[in-house]
C-alpha atoms as a PDB file:
ATOM      1  CA  UNK A   1     115.805 233.722 158.721  1.00  0.00           C
ATOM      2  CA  UNK A   2     118.364 231.892 160.826  1.00  0.00           C
ATOM      3  CA  UNK A   3     120.075 233.246 163.935  1.00  0.00           C
ATOM      4  CA  UNK A   4     123.051 231.382 165.415  1.00  0.00           C
ATOM      5  CA  UNK A   5     124.590 232.324 168.761  1.00  0.00           C
ATOM      6  CA  UNK A   6     128.265 232.641 167.851  1.00  0.00           C
ATOM      7  CA  UNK A   7     129.360 233.633 171.363  1.00  0.00           C
ATOM      8  CA  UNK A   8     127.881 233.704 174.859  1.00  0.00           C
ATOM      9  CA  UNK A   9     128.966 233.301 178.468  1.00  0.00           C
ATOM     10  CA  UNK A  10     128.102 229.591 178.319  1.00  0.00           C
ATOM     11  CA  UNK A  11     128.497 226.515 176.140  1.00  0.00           C
ATOM     12  CA  UNK A  12     125.705 223.908 176.361  1.00  0.00           C
ATOM     13  CA  UNK A  13     126.752 220.603 177.862  1.00  0.00           C
ATOM     14  CA  UNK A  14     125.413 218.731 174.837  1.00  0.00           C
ATOM     15  CA  UNK A  15     127.486 220.443 172.140  1.00  0.00           C
ATOM     16  CA  UNK A  16     129.720 218.108 170.100  1.00  0.00           C
ATOM     17  CA  UNK A  17     131.947 221.002 169.004  1.00  0.00           C
ATOM     18  CA  UNK A  18     134.911 222.541 170.868  1.00  0.00           C
ATOM     19  CA  UNK A  19     133.185 225.920 171.028  1.00  0.00           C
ATOM     20  CA  UNK A  20     134.547 228.689 173.237  1.00  0.00           C
ATOM     21  CA  UNK A  21     132.618 230.757 175.762  1.00  0.00           C
ATOM     22  CA  UNK A  22     133.464 234.061 177.419  1.00  0.00           C
ATOM     23  CA  UNK A  23     131.602 236.920 179.020  1.00  0.00           C
ATOM     24  CA  UNK A  24     130.279 238.458 175.819  1.00  0.00           C
ATOM     25  CA  UNK A  25     127.836 238.057 172.977  1.00  0.00           C
ATOM     26  CA  UNK A  26     127.798 237.590 169.218  1.00  0.00           C
ATOM     27  CA  UNK A  27     125.060 236.532 166.806  1.00  0.00           C
ATOM     28  CA  UNK A  28     125.202 235.407 163.179  1.00  0.00           C
ATOM     29  CA  UNK A  29     122.070 236.439 161.292  1.00  0.00           C
ATOM     30  CA  UNK A  30     121.356 234.889 157.900  1.00  0.00           C
ATOM     31  CA  UNK A  31     118.538 236.804 156.247  1.00  0.00           C
ATOM     32  CA  UNK A  32     117.587 237.995 152.755  1.00  0.00           C
ATOM     33  CA  UNK A  33     120.654 236.290 151.285  1.00  0.00           C
ATOM     34  CA  UNK A  34     123.050 238.138 153.609  1.00  0.00           C
ATOM     35  CA  UNK A  35     125.267 237.109 156.527  1.00  0.00           C
ATOM     36  CA  UNK A  36     125.402 239.716 159.285  1.00  0.00           C
ATOM     37  CA  UNK A  37     127.331 239.477 162.547  1.00  0.00           C
ATOM     38  CA  UNK A  38     125.901 241.393 165.498  1.00  0.00           C
ATOM     39  CA  UNK A  39     128.671 241.960 168.062  1.00  0.00           C
ATOM     40  CA  UNK A  40     132.022 240.216 168.393  1.00  0.00           C
ATOM     41  CA  UNK A  41     132.491 239.271 172.044  1.00  0.00           C
ATOM     42  CA  UNK A  42     135.560 240.445 173.945  1.00  0.00           C
ATOM     43  CA  UNK A  43     138.334 238.488 172.229  1.00  0.00           C
ATOM     44  CA  UNK A  44     139.079 236.556 169.066  1.00  0.00           C
ATOM     45  CA  UNK A  45     137.135 233.522 170.306  1.00  0.00           C
ATOM     46  CA  UNK A  46     134.248 234.383 167.987  1.00  0.00           C
ATOM     47  CA  UNK A  47     136.474 233.836 164.928  1.00  0.00           C
ATOM     48  CA  UNK A  48     137.122 230.227 165.967  1.00  0.00           C
ATOM     49  CA  UNK A  49     133.471 229.655 166.836  1.00  0.00           C
ATOM     50  CA  UNK A  50     132.249 230.999 163.498  1.00  0.00           C
ATOM     51  CA  UNK A  51     134.563 228.627 161.650  1.00  0.00           C
ATOM     52  CA  UNK A  52     133.362 225.677 163.742  1.00  0.00           C
ATOM     53  CA  UNK A  53     129.759 226.693 163.066  1.00  0.00           C
ATOM     54  CA  UNK A  54     130.352 226.737 159.312  1.00  0.00           C
ATOM     55  CA  UNK A  55     130.762 230.435 158.509  1.00  0.00           C
ATOM     56  CA  UNK A  56     134.229 231.924 158.310  1.00  0.00           C
ATOM     57  CA  UNK A  57     134.381 235.704 158.896  1.00  0.00           C
ATOM     58  CA  UNK A  58     135.451 236.143 155.265  1.00  0.00           C
ATOM     59  CA  UNK A  59     131.873 235.172 154.306  1.00  0.00           C
ATOM     60  CA  UNK A  60     130.313 238.028 156.294  1.00  0.00           C
ATOM     61  CA  UNK A  61     128.574 240.869 154.455  1.00  0.00           C
ATOM     62  CA  UNK A  62     128.248 243.138 157.482  1.00  0.00           C
ATOM     63  CA  UNK A  63     129.341 243.533 161.098  1.00  0.00           C
ATOM     64  CA  UNK A  64     127.093 245.500 163.461  1.00  0.00           C
ATOM     65  CA  UNK A  65     128.171 246.663 166.923  1.00  0.00           C
ATOM     66  CA  UNK A  66     125.254 246.947 169.359  1.00  0.00           C
ATOM     67  CA  UNK A  67     127.075 249.288 171.776  1.00  0.00           C
ATOM     68  CA  UNK A  68     130.516 250.310 172.933  1.00  0.00           C
ATOM     69  CA  UNK A  69     131.369 247.800 175.651  1.00  0.00           C
ATOM     70  CA  UNK A  70     134.375 245.485 175.512  1.00  0.00           C
ATOM     71  CA  UNK A  71     132.284 242.304 175.760  1.00  0.00           C
ATOM     72  CA  UNK A  72     130.442 243.227 172.563  1.00  0.00           C
ATOM     73  CA  UNK A  73     133.141 244.996 170.542  1.00  0.00           C
ATOM     74  CA  UNK A  74     136.447 243.759 171.951  1.00  0.00           C
ATOM     75  CA  UNK A  75     136.611 241.055 169.285  1.00  0.00           C
ATOM     76  CA  UNK A  76     136.130 243.534 166.446  1.00  0.00           C
ATOM     77  CA  UNK A  77     139.864 243.697 165.732  1.00  0.00           C
ATOM     78  CA  UNK A  78     140.109 239.917 165.334  1.00  0.00           C
ATOM     79  CA  UNK A  79     137.010 239.782 163.146  1.00  0.00           C
ATOM     80  CA  UNK A  80     138.145 242.616 160.848  1.00  0.00           C
ATOM     81  CA  UNK A  81     141.508 240.928 160.372  1.00  0.00           C
ATOM     82  CA  UNK A  82     139.657 237.939 158.885  1.00  0.00           C
ATOM     83  CA  UNK A  83     136.851 239.624 156.918  1.00  0.00           C
ATOM     84  CA  UNK A  84     136.843 240.911 153.353  1.00  0.00           C
ATOM     85  CA  UNK A  85     138.177 244.466 152.913  1.00  0.00           C
ATOM     86  CA  UNK A  86     134.751 245.617 151.718  1.00  0.00           C
ATOM     87  CA  UNK A  87     132.768 244.261 154.679  1.00  0.00           C
ATOM     88  CA  UNK A  88     130.376 246.900 155.994  1.00  0.00           C
ATOM     89  CA  UNK A  89     130.699 247.975 159.637  1.00  0.00           C
ATOM     90  CA  UNK A  90     127.722 249.652 161.297  1.00  0.00           C
ATOM     91  CA  UNK A  91     128.265 251.272 164.685  1.00  0.00           C
ATOM     92  CA  UNK A  92     126.646 254.021 166.720  1.00  0.00           C
ATOM     93  CA  UNK A  93     128.445 257.371 166.753  1.00  0.00           C
ATOM     94  CA  UNK A  94     128.505 257.328 170.572  1.00  0.00           C
ATOM     95  CA  UNK A  95     130.172 253.937 170.958  1.00  0.00           C
ATOM     96  CA  UNK A  96     133.661 255.216 171.846  1.00  0.00           C
ATOM     97  CA  UNK A  97     134.659 256.964 175.021  1.00  0.00           C
ATOM     98  CA  UNK A  98     135.637 256.237 178.631  1.00  0.00           C
ATOM     99  CA  UNK A  99     133.265 253.834 180.352  1.00  0.00           C
ATOM    100  CA  UNK A 100     133.494 252.025 183.657  1.00  0.00           C
ATOM    101  CA  UNK A 101     131.741 249.503 185.848  1.00  0.00           C
ATOM    102  CA  UNK A 102     131.706 250.139 189.583  1.00  0.00           C
ATOM    103  CA  UNK A 103     132.610 247.356 191.997  1.00  0.00           C
ATOM    104  CA  UNK A 104     132.606 248.807 195.479  1.00  0.00           C
ATOM    105  CA  UNK A 105     135.180 251.601 195.385  1.00  0.00           C
ATOM    106  CA  UNK A 106     136.885 250.315 192.240  1.00  0.00           C
ATOM    107  CA  UNK A 107     136.250 251.419 188.657  1.00  0.00           C
ATOM    108  CA  UNK A 108     136.830 248.810 185.975  1.00  0.00           C
ATOM    109  CA  UNK A 109     137.205 250.027 182.359  1.00  0.00           C
ATOM    110  CA  UNK A 110     134.608 248.408 180.081  1.00  0.00           C
ATOM    111  CA  UNK A 111     134.836 250.490 176.888  1.00  0.00           C
ATOM    112  CA  UNK A 112     136.003 249.337 173.455  1.00  0.00           C
ATOM    113  CA  UNK A 113     139.698 248.469 173.903  1.00  0.00           C
ATOM    114  CA  UNK A 114     140.844 249.634 170.444  1.00  0.00           C
ATOM    115  CA  UNK A 115     140.471 253.196 169.154  1.00  0.00           C
ATOM    116  CA  UNK A 116     138.204 253.717 166.177  1.00  0.00           C
ATOM    117  CA  UNK A 117     141.062 255.167 164.127  1.00  0.00           C
ATOM    118  CA  UNK A 118     143.054 251.941 164.454  1.00  0.00           C
ATOM    119  CA  UNK A 119     140.123 249.655 163.687  1.00  0.00           C
ATOM    120  CA  UNK A 120     139.414 251.616 160.515  1.00  0.00           C
ATOM    121  CA  UNK A 121     142.937 250.793 159.257  1.00  0.00           C
ATOM    122  CA  UNK A 122     141.982 247.114 159.257  1.00  0.00           C
ATOM    123  CA  UNK A 123     139.468 247.682 156.476  1.00  0.00           C
ATOM    124  CA  UNK A 124     135.734 247.776 156.068  1.00  0.00           C
ATOM    125  CA  UNK A 125     133.243 250.320 154.814  1.00  0.00           C
ATOM    126  CA  UNK A 126     132.177 252.143 157.957  1.00  0.00           C
ATOM    127  CA  UNK A 127     128.714 253.556 158.632  1.00  0.00           C
ATOM    128  CA  UNK A 128     128.877 255.477 161.908  1.00  0.00           C
ATOM    129  CA  UNK A 129     125.413 256.772 162.740  1.00  0.00           C
ATOM    130  CA  UNK A 130     122.813 257.469 165.411  1.00  0.00           C
ATOM    131  CA  UNK A 131     119.729 257.033 163.225  1.00  0.00           C
ATOM    132  CA  UNK A 132     117.914 253.843 162.171  1.00  0.00           C
ATOM    133  CA  UNK A 133     118.715 252.141 158.897  1.00  0.00           C
ATOM    134  CA  UNK A 134     117.008 249.427 156.885  1.00  0.00           C
ATOM    135  CA  UNK A 135     119.730 246.853 156.269  1.00  0.00           C
ATOM    136  CA  UNK A 136     117.720 244.542 153.990  1.00  0.00           C
ATOM    137  CA  UNK A 137     114.114 243.860 153.082  1.00  0.00           C
ATOM    138  CA  UNK A 138     113.341 242.249 156.439  1.00  0.00           C
ATOM    139  CA  UNK A 139     116.011 243.653 158.771  1.00  0.00           C
ATOM    140  CA  UNK A 140     116.447 247.039 160.459  1.00  0.00           C
ATOM    141  CA  UNK A 141     119.190 248.626 162.559  1.00  0.00           C
ATOM    142  CA  UNK A 142     117.476 250.421 165.430  1.00  0.00           C
ATOM    143  CA  UNK A 143     119.706 253.446 165.806  1.00  0.00           C
ATOM    144  CA  UNK A 144     119.277 255.200 169.161  1.00  0.00           C
ATOM    145  CA  UNK A 145     116.392 253.711 171.152  1.00  0.00           C
ATOM    146  CA  UNK A 146     114.010 256.321 172.636  1.00  0.00           C
ATOM    147  CA  UNK A 147     113.754 256.057 176.438  1.00  0.00           C
ATOM    148  CA  UNK A 148     110.043 256.463 177.093  1.00  0.00           C
ATOM    149  CA  UNK A 149     109.110 254.108 179.951  1.00  0.00           C
ATOM    150  CA  UNK A 150     109.032 255.388 183.514  1.00  0.00           C
ATOM    151  CA  UNK A 151     110.647 252.305 185.050  1.00  0.00           C
ATOM    152  CA  UNK A 152     113.586 251.303 182.824  1.00  0.00           C
ATOM    153  CA  UNK A 153     116.430 253.107 184.566  1.00  0.00           C
ATOM    154  CA  UNK A 154     119.237 250.740 183.587  1.00  0.00           C
ATOM    155  CA  UNK A 155     122.289 249.610 185.523  1.00  0.00           C
ATOM    156  CA  UNK A 156     123.390 252.013 188.271  1.00  0.00           C
ATOM    157  CA  UNK A 157     126.887 250.488 188.314  1.00  0.00           C
ATOM    158  CA  UNK A 158     127.720 251.722 184.805  1.00  0.00           C
ATOM    159  CA  UNK A 159     129.388 255.145 184.816  1.00  0.00           C
ATOM    160  CA  UNK A 160     131.367 257.514 182.627  1.00  0.00           C
ATOM    161  CA  UNK A 161     134.668 259.270 183.174  1.00  0.00           C
ATOM    162  CA  UNK A 162     133.294 261.564 185.884  1.00  0.00           C
ATOM    163  CA  UNK A 163     131.448 258.727 187.657  1.00  0.00           C
ATOM    164  CA  UNK A 164     128.137 260.118 186.412  1.00  0.00           C
ATOM    165  CA  UNK A 165     125.598 257.419 185.444  1.00  0.00           C
ATOM    166  CA  UNK A 166     126.192 256.147 181.926  1.00  0.00           C
ATOM    167  CA  UNK A 167     122.851 255.736 180.111  1.00  0.00           C
ATOM    168  CA  UNK A 168     124.613 253.868 177.268  1.00  0.00           C
ATOM    169  CA  UNK A 169     122.941 256.126 174.711  1.00  0.00           C
ATOM    170  CA  UNK A 170     124.600 254.117 171.928  1.00  0.00           C
ATOM    171  CA  UNK A 171     122.639 250.969 172.810  1.00  0.00           C
ATOM    172  CA  UNK A 172     121.101 249.530 169.625  1.00  0.00           C
ATOM    173  CA  UNK A 173     119.419 246.321 168.440  1.00  0.00           C
ATOM    174  CA  UNK A 174     118.372 244.645 165.215  1.00  0.00           C
ATOM    175  CA  UNK A 175     114.708 244.243 164.248  1.00  0.00           C
ATOM    176  CA  UNK A 176     113.617 241.415 161.968  1.00  0.00           C
ATOM    177  CA  UNK A 177     110.296 240.981 160.218  1.00  0.00           C
ATOM    178  CA  UNK A 178     109.326 237.411 161.062  1.00  0.00           C
ATOM    179  CA  UNK A 179     106.426 235.526 159.483  1.00  0.00           C
ATOM    180  CA  UNK A 180     104.217 236.350 162.482  1.00  0.00           C
ATOM    181  CA  UNK A 181     105.627 239.583 163.831  1.00  0.00           C
ATOM    182  CA  UNK A 182     108.683 241.362 165.189  1.00  0.00           C
ATOM    183  CA  UNK A 183     111.829 239.466 166.164  1.00  0.00           C
ATOM    184  CA  UNK A 184     114.317 241.488 168.222  1.00  0.00           C
ATOM    185  CA  UNK A 185     118.014 240.575 168.303  1.00  0.00           C
ATOM    186  CA  UNK A 186     119.647 242.372 171.208  1.00  0.00           C
ATOM    187  CA  UNK A 187     123.178 242.723 172.477  1.00  0.00           C
ATOM    188  CA  UNK A 188     122.291 243.928 175.992  1.00  0.00           C
ATOM    189  CA  UNK A 189     119.153 246.110 175.788  1.00  0.00           C
ATOM    190  CA  UNK A 190     120.647 248.794 178.037  1.00  0.00           C
ATOM    191  CA  UNK A 191     117.863 251.063 176.745  1.00  0.00           C
ATOM    192  CA  UNK A 192     115.358 248.685 178.326  1.00  0.00           C
ATOM    193  CA  UNK A 193     113.661 245.646 176.849  1.00  0.00           C
ATOM    194  CA  UNK A 194     110.263 247.370 176.720  1.00  0.00           C
ATOM    195  CA  UNK A 195     111.674 250.549 175.169  1.00  0.00           C
ATOM    196  CA  UNK A 196     113.492 248.420 172.596  1.00  0.00           C
ATOM    197  CA  UNK A 197     110.441 246.401 171.574  1.00  0.00           C
ATOM    198  CA  UNK A 198     108.233 249.489 171.331  1.00  0.00           C
ATOM    199  CA  UNK A 199     110.828 251.176 169.136  1.00  0.00           C
ATOM    200  CA  UNK A 200     110.862 248.052 166.981  1.00  0.00           C
ATOM    201  CA  UNK A 201     107.099 248.245 166.540  1.00  0.00           C
ATOM    202  CA  UNK A 202     107.302 251.919 165.552  1.00  0.00           C
ATOM    203  CA  UNK A 203     110.196 251.424 163.134  1.00  0.00           C
ATOM    204  CA  UNK A 204     108.929 248.321 161.341  1.00  0.00           C
ATOM    205  CA  UNK A 205     105.179 248.921 161.470  1.00  0.00           C
ATOM    206  CA  UNK A 206     104.657 245.515 163.092  1.00  0.00           C
ATOM    207  CA  UNK A 207     102.432 245.196 166.166  1.00  0.00           C
ATOM    208  CA  UNK A 208     103.139 241.697 167.538  1.00  0.00           C
ATOM    209  CA  UNK A 209     106.300 240.450 169.232  1.00  0.00           C
ATOM    210  CA  UNK A 210     107.080 237.073 167.695  1.00  0.00           C
ATOM    211  CA  UNK A 211     110.288 236.600 169.635  1.00  0.00           C
ATOM    212  CA  UNK A 212     113.330 237.969 171.448  1.00  0.00           C
ATOM    213  CA  UNK A 213     116.908 236.761 171.029  1.00  0.00           C
ATOM    214  CA  UNK A 214     119.894 237.917 173.067  1.00  0.00           C
ATOM    215  CA  UNK A 215     120.779 239.870 176.168  1.00  0.00           C
ATOM    216  CA  UNK A 216     118.075 241.519 178.276  1.00  0.00           C
ATOM    217  CA  UNK A 217     120.236 243.135 180.981  1.00  0.00           C
ATOM    218  CA  UNK A 218     117.552 242.166 183.474  1.00  0.00           C
ATOM    219  CA  UNK A 219     120.120 240.600 185.771  1.00  0.00           C
ATOM    220  CA  UNK A 220     121.737 243.839 187.040  1.00  0.00           C
ATOM    221  CA  UNK A 221     118.683 246.154 187.151  1.00  0.00           C
ATOM    222  CA  UNK A 222     116.335 246.888 190.045  1.00  0.00           C
ATOM    223  CA  UNK A 223     113.643 244.412 191.178  1.00  0.00           C
ATOM    224  CA  UNK A 224     110.981 246.931 190.124  1.00  0.00           C
ATOM    225  CA  UNK A 225     112.355 247.090 186.587  1.00  0.00           C
ATOM    226  CA  UNK A 226     112.640 243.315 186.490  1.00  0.00           C
ATOM    227  CA  UNK A 227     109.044 242.700 187.542  1.00  0.00           C
ATOM    228  CA  UNK A 228     107.490 245.374 185.339  1.00  0.00           C
ATOM    229  CA  UNK A 229     109.507 244.216 182.343  1.00  0.00           C
ATOM    230  CA  UNK A 230     108.505 240.593 182.862  1.00  0.00           C
ATOM    231  CA  UNK A 231     104.840 241.591 183.163  1.00  0.00           C
ATOM    232  CA  UNK A 232     104.934 243.477 179.867  1.00  0.00           C
ATOM    233  CA  UNK A 233     106.847 240.686 178.148  1.00  0.00           C
ATOM    234  CA  UNK A 234     104.232 238.167 179.286  1.00  0.00           C
ATOM    235  CA  UNK A 235     101.457 240.455 178.011  1.00  0.00           C
ATOM    236  CA  UNK A 236     103.027 240.476 174.548  1.00  0.00           C
ATOM    237  CA  UNK A 237     102.841 236.655 174.459  1.00  0.00           C
ATOM    238  CA  UNK A 238     105.914 236.017 172.282  1.00  0.00           C
ATOM    239  CA  UNK A 239     106.353 232.643 170.614  1.00  0.00           C
ATOM    240  CA  UNK A 240     109.867 232.377 172.026  1.00  0.00           C
ATOM    241  CA  UNK A 241     112.321 234.153 174.329  1.00  0.00           C
ATOM    242  CA  UNK A 242     115.907 233.105 173.634  1.00  0.00           C
ATOM    243  CA  UNK A 243     117.778 234.970 176.367  1.00  0.00           C
ATOM    244  CA  UNK A 244     121.463 234.905 177.289  1.00  0.00           C
ATOM    245  CA  UNK A 245     124.534 236.894 178.378  1.00  0.00           C
ATOM    246  CA  UNK A 246     123.515 239.734 180.767  1.00  0.00           C
ATOM    247  CA  UNK A 247     120.160 238.141 181.608  1.00  0.00           C
ATOM    248  CA  UNK A 248     121.742 236.094 184.402  1.00  0.00           C
ATOM    249  CA  UNK A 249     120.756 232.659 185.634  1.00  0.00           C
ATOM    250  CA  UNK A 250     118.121 233.785 188.193  1.00  0.00           C
ATOM    251  CA  UNK A 251     116.234 235.764 185.535  1.00  0.00           C
ATOM    252  CA  UNK A 252     116.640 232.964 183.005  1.00  0.00           C
ATOM    253  CA  UNK A 253     115.035 230.650 185.541  1.00  0.00           C
ATOM    254  CA  UNK A 254     112.137 233.103 185.904  1.00  0.00           C
ATOM    255  CA  UNK A 255     111.723 233.246 182.129  1.00  0.00           C
ATOM    256  CA  UNK A 256     111.705 229.447 181.966  1.00  0.00           C
ATOM    257  CA  UNK A 257     109.023 229.380 184.659  1.00  0.00           C
ATOM    258  CA  UNK A 258     106.934 231.963 182.799  1.00  0.00           C
ATOM    259  CA  UNK A 259     107.275 230.695 179.241  1.00  0.00           C
ATOM    260  CA  UNK A 260     107.967 226.974 179.629  1.00  0.00           C
ATOM    261  CA  UNK A 261     109.124 225.451 176.348  1.00  0.00           C
ATOM    262  CA  UNK A 262     108.909 228.865 174.694  1.00  0.00           C
ATOM    263  CA  UNK A 263     112.025 229.836 176.637  1.00  0.00           C
ATOM    264  CA  UNK A 264     115.379 229.013 174.998  1.00  0.00           C
ATOM    265  CA  UNK A 265     118.693 229.280 176.882  1.00  0.00           C
ATOM    266  CA  UNK A 266     120.649 230.891 174.056  1.00  0.00           C
ATOM    267  CA  UNK A 267     124.108 229.487 174.775  1.00  0.00           C
ATOM    268  CA  UNK A 268     126.925 229.246 172.202  1.00  0.00           C
ATOM    269  CA  UNK A 269     125.858 227.282 169.119  1.00  0.00           C
ATOM    270  CA  UNK A 270     122.117 227.695 169.696  1.00  0.00           C
ATOM    271  CA  UNK A 271     120.227 228.106 166.425  1.00  0.00           C
ATOM    272  CA  UNK A 272     116.853 229.825 166.127  1.00  0.00           C
ATOM    273  CA  UNK A 273     115.094 229.569 162.760  1.00  0.00           C
ATOM    274  CA  UNK A 274     112.123 231.832 162.138  1.00  0.00           C
END
């Protein structure tokens, strides 16, 4: 299994390629003979990055959207314009709708910029669902993640049309069976990192966290959620934590302090082989 970060907020200083960065996330997963793209960033930058990284979108077998925010699905139009007509698209049924981020007294729209009806005209075989699905022998789509912890309350600045808190019920992740346990690939983990991992254990039957790749959304949540999440993550003793995007630099520094060389800053072009 090989996971390549196709898009992130940052490009590593050492990269020899003219890769693009933007506030967003995208991951290329090569597993069981398939190429699957999780998320598409906010623009068409991911199309250029994929080509530079050696995989044109026309080679993709599947595109999965982790949740309905612009920085994860805004690039879907550009990707679908370059993929094969029979590419499969997996997305949660609750991904569309009005969504906002609060900044003081201002509301900023953060939903998917293109309507589902238009995106469907670009092609693809669409699987719109809320339930889990096994995508290949060693890969699962989480479906809706049960919210069972008492401390993972999410980001208070995310709201819906009526300014009520948006729990991002469409938040999903991918679960991989690694050689030594569960590997989670996350867009943002709005459902909570601990909730997500526990759901992965239940869905796959695995009981050890081998590693985490992707956004943790620990940056914007409360200090209590941050500390309790970090404590549980440390207790699981993963082999690696490759965090990026909504984790934020302060939390990435904490993860580096906790895990040492087991921490990977998962910037654009980073490759994790399991």
